Amino acid sequence: MELLLNSAHLESVENAIDLFPVTGITTCSSVMEKEGPVDFFSHLQKLRGIIGSRSIHVQVVSTTYAGIIAETDKIRDMLGRDTYIRIPATREGMKAIRELSHEGVNVTAACILTPIQGLLAAMAGADYLLCEYQRMEEAGINASDMLHRLTSIIHHDDECYARILAVGFHSIDQVVTAYESGADAVSVNPDLLTASLDLPVVDKVTNGCKASWRNIHGDKTLLDL
């Protein structure tokens, strides 16, 4: 399993990397918009410096084949040849995915909401299939069922190496369900991850353990024994 951060906030990413077993980050225009009018490549280079050798997935803006190819070259020149290029699984995008994958470019097929999109992108050579969990739910698509159908085919094909990456969650329960449904990786907002550990019931248990220790050992710590 892989855990990525769906964020471009420098401090949040840095803090989350210290806390969680993060393998990479995903960004797109909507994620970058939250950071305000920052310099695009300068900001992403700062993120690259924070995450080190972890993967970074950067989405193109163009919707045409030629534009996607040109933007891919620019992104890789600025951020490194190992950058994953996030390309929507549209008609023009699929053409670019097939061409770039053939050239050895790291490709993340994005905006996947249906099994056939994922299957075609996988056959075109995409490394990751980025499935939009909440967008599926909003469109009346059962996201869990879609992931299960897609992964049941992908994972049973020994010649297919595409990994299922789910993104766009509104709750931790959705994250767990995505893993349960077969996703190889998820990309989650750092705040959602952090909040998942701030549970009153957990605090009650840990505080109870401290109280029991004090009843036995008073003010001594374990290191004093």
Foldseek 3Di string as FASTA:
>chain_A
DAEEAAALDLVLVLVLVVPDVHQYYEYEPVRVVVVPPDDVLVSVQSVCVRNPPGAYEYEQDDPALVSLVVVLVVCCVRRHQQHEYEFELDPRRLVNLLVVLVVVGAYEHDPDQALVSVVSSQVSRHQEDEHEQVVNVVVVHNSLVRLLVNQVVQVVDPVGNHFYEYEHDPAVVSVVSNVVSPHPYYHYHSVRVVVVPPDPVVVVVVVVVVVVCCVPPNPDDPVND
